[in-house]
């Protein structure tokens, strides 16, 4: 009985699992920087011929 009550007490809340971003503009800039970095890496790798 004690084990069952301890198991139920540790159940996470939905608000703990899903958090909304607080700074959307900053996240958008970070995403754009990551896209540019991925494009640069793709261009750099395209110079090699893997067989």
Protein backbone atom coordinates (compact mmCIF):
# COMPACT_ATOMS: atom_id res chain seq x y z
CA UNK A 1 0.00 0.00 0.00
CA UNK A 2 2.86 2.40 0.78
CA UNK A 3 4.57 1.48 -2.48
CA UNK A 4 1.45 2.28 -4.48
CA UNK A 5 1.02 5.68 -2.82
CA UNK A 6 4.68 6.52 -3.49
CA UNK A 7 4.27 5.48 -7.13
CA UNK A 8 1.27 7.74 -7.61
CA UNK A 9 2.91 10.67 -5.83
CA UNK A 10 5.72 10.85 -8.41
CA UNK A 11 3.42 11.28 -11.40
CA UNK A 12 4.58 14.30 -13.47
CA UNK A 13 2.19 17.09 -14.33
CA UNK A 14 1.50 18.14 -17.91
CA UNK A 15 2.96 21.57 -17.19
CA UNK A 16 6.26 19.91 -16.18
CA UNK A 17 6.47 18.00 -19.46
CA UNK A 18 5.45 20.67 -21.97
CA UNK A 19 6.87 24.17 -21.54
CA UNK A 20 6.17 26.93 -24.01
CA UNK A 21 9.14 28.97 -25.24
CA UNK A 22 9.41 32.33 -23.52
CA UNK A 23 11.60 34.13 -26.05
CA UNK A 24 10.40 33.30 -29.56
CA UNK A 25 12.53 35.91 -31.36
CA UNK A 26 15.77 34.69 -29.82
CA UNK A 27 14.91 31.07 -30.67
CA UNK A 28 14.14 32.08 -34.25
CA UNK A 29 17.54 33.75 -34.63
CA UNK A 30 19.23 30.67 -33.20
CA UNK A 31 17.38 28.49 -35.70
CA UNK A 32 18.46 30.72 -38.61
CA UNK A 33 22.08 30.53 -37.44
CA UNK A 34 21.88 26.75 -37.26
CA UNK A 35 20.45 26.59 -40.81
CA UNK A 36 23.31 28.74 -42.13
CA UNK A 37 25.83 26.52 -40.34
CA UNK A 38 24.25 23.38 -41.83
CA UNK A 39 24.32 24.90 -45.33
CA UNK A 40 28.00 25.81 -44.89
CA UNK A 41 28.81 22.28 -43.75
CA UNK A 42 26.92 20.83 -46.71
CA UNK A 43 28.84 23.04 -49.17
CA UNK A 44 32.14 22.09 -47.54
CA UNK A 45 31.34 18.36 -47.70
CA UNK A 46 30.28 18.61 -51.35
CA UNK A 47 33.90 19.23 -52.37
CA UNK A 48 34.81 15.66 -51.43
CA UNK A 49 34.06 12.58 -53.52
CA UNK A 50 33.21 9.59 -51.32
CA UNK A 51 33.31 6.19 -52.99
